[in-house]
Protein backbone atom coordinates (compact mmCIF):
# COMPACT_ATOMS: atom_id res chain seq x y z
CA MET A 1 -9.99 -4.11 2.65
CA ILE A 2 -6.24 -4.35 3.36
CA ILE A 3 -3.02 -2.40 2.12
CA LEU A 4 -0.56 -4.87 0.54
CA THR A 5 2.35 -4.30 -1.89
CA LYS A 6 3.10 -5.84 -4.92
CA LEU A 7 6.23 -7.11 -5.54
CA HIS A 8 8.05 -4.42 -7.71
CA GLY A 9 6.89 -2.28 -4.87
CA GLU A 10 3.52 -0.76 -5.79
CA PRO A 11 0.18 -0.55 -2.66
CA PHE A 12 -2.60 -1.91 -3.52
CA VAL A 13 -5.79 -2.62 -1.56
CA LEU A 14 -7.13 -5.90 -1.56
CA ASN A 15 -11.05 -6.96 -0.51
CA CYS A 16 -9.69 -9.25 2.20
CA ASP A 17 -13.03 -11.41 2.46
CA MET A 18 -11.94 -12.39 -1.45
CA ILE A 19 -9.20 -14.42 -0.37
CA GLU A 20 -9.15 -18.21 -0.61
CA THR A 21 -5.52 -19.65 -0.33
CA VAL A 22 -2.30 -17.76 1.02
CA GLN A 23 0.55 -19.64 0.13
CA GLU A 24 4.38 -18.80 0.90
CA ASN A 25 6.76 -20.55 -2.19
CA PRO A 26 9.06 -18.45 -1.48
CA ASP A 27 7.12 -15.83 -2.49
CA THR A 28 3.61 -14.89 -1.00
CA THR A 29 0.56 -16.26 -3.11
CA ILE A 30 -2.38 -14.91 -2.54
CA HIS A 31 -5.50 -16.37 -4.21
CA LEU A 32 -8.83 -15.18 -4.63
CA ASN A 33 -12.03 -17.20 -4.81
CA ASN A 34 -12.72 -15.26 -8.22
CA GLY A 35 -9.92 -16.62 -9.77
CA GLN A 36 -7.29 -13.76 -9.50
CA LEU A 37 -4.02 -14.47 -7.97
CA TYR A 38 -1.65 -11.97 -6.47
CA ILE A 39 1.91 -11.93 -5.34
CA VAL A 40 3.09 -9.65 -2.74
CA ARG A 41 6.06 -8.80 -0.24
CA GLU A 42 4.02 -8.97 3.07
CA SER A 43 4.57 -12.52 4.76
CA MET A 44 1.88 -14.70 4.80
CA ALA A 45 1.50 -14.01 8.50
CA GLU A 46 1.53 -10.53 7.64
CA VAL A 47 -1.42 -10.91 5.45
CA ILE A 48 -3.31 -12.99 8.00
CA GLN A 49 -2.75 -10.52 10.86
CA LYS A 50 -3.50 -7.79 8.58
CA SER A 51 -6.73 -9.60 7.66
CA ILE A 52 -7.48 -10.10 11.12
CA GLU A 53 -7.18 -6.70 12.07
CA TYR A 54 -9.78 -5.70 9.23
CA HIS A 55 -11.86 -7.75 10.68
CA GLN A 56 -11.44 -6.80 14.33
CA GLN A 57 -12.38 -3.45 13.29
CA ILE A 58 -15.17 -3.79 11.87
CA TYR A 59 -16.88 -6.42 13.42
CA GLY A 60 -15.55 -4.80 16.92
CA THR A 61 -17.57 -1.75 15.40
CA VAL A 62 -20.60 -3.69 15.24
CA LEU A 63 -20.63 -5.28 18.75
CA ARG A 64 -19.95 -2.85 20.41
CA SER A 65 -22.57 -0.53 18.62
CA GLU A 66 -25.07 -3.39 19.74
CA PHE A 67 -24.95 -2.82 23.56
């Protein structure tokens, strides 16, 4: 789950595993695999970085505990 900001300034939490596509045109638009659409203040690069950090946190912990 990543924290993002709607255009009018309201923060919300998004399940980044549901992201299908992210586009900048010029606003960052996130399409989920269930058909939902979100327009956020964060850039496409920020959404990607937040998703990477989330997955590193989750899967890094799992991988470290296996050894």
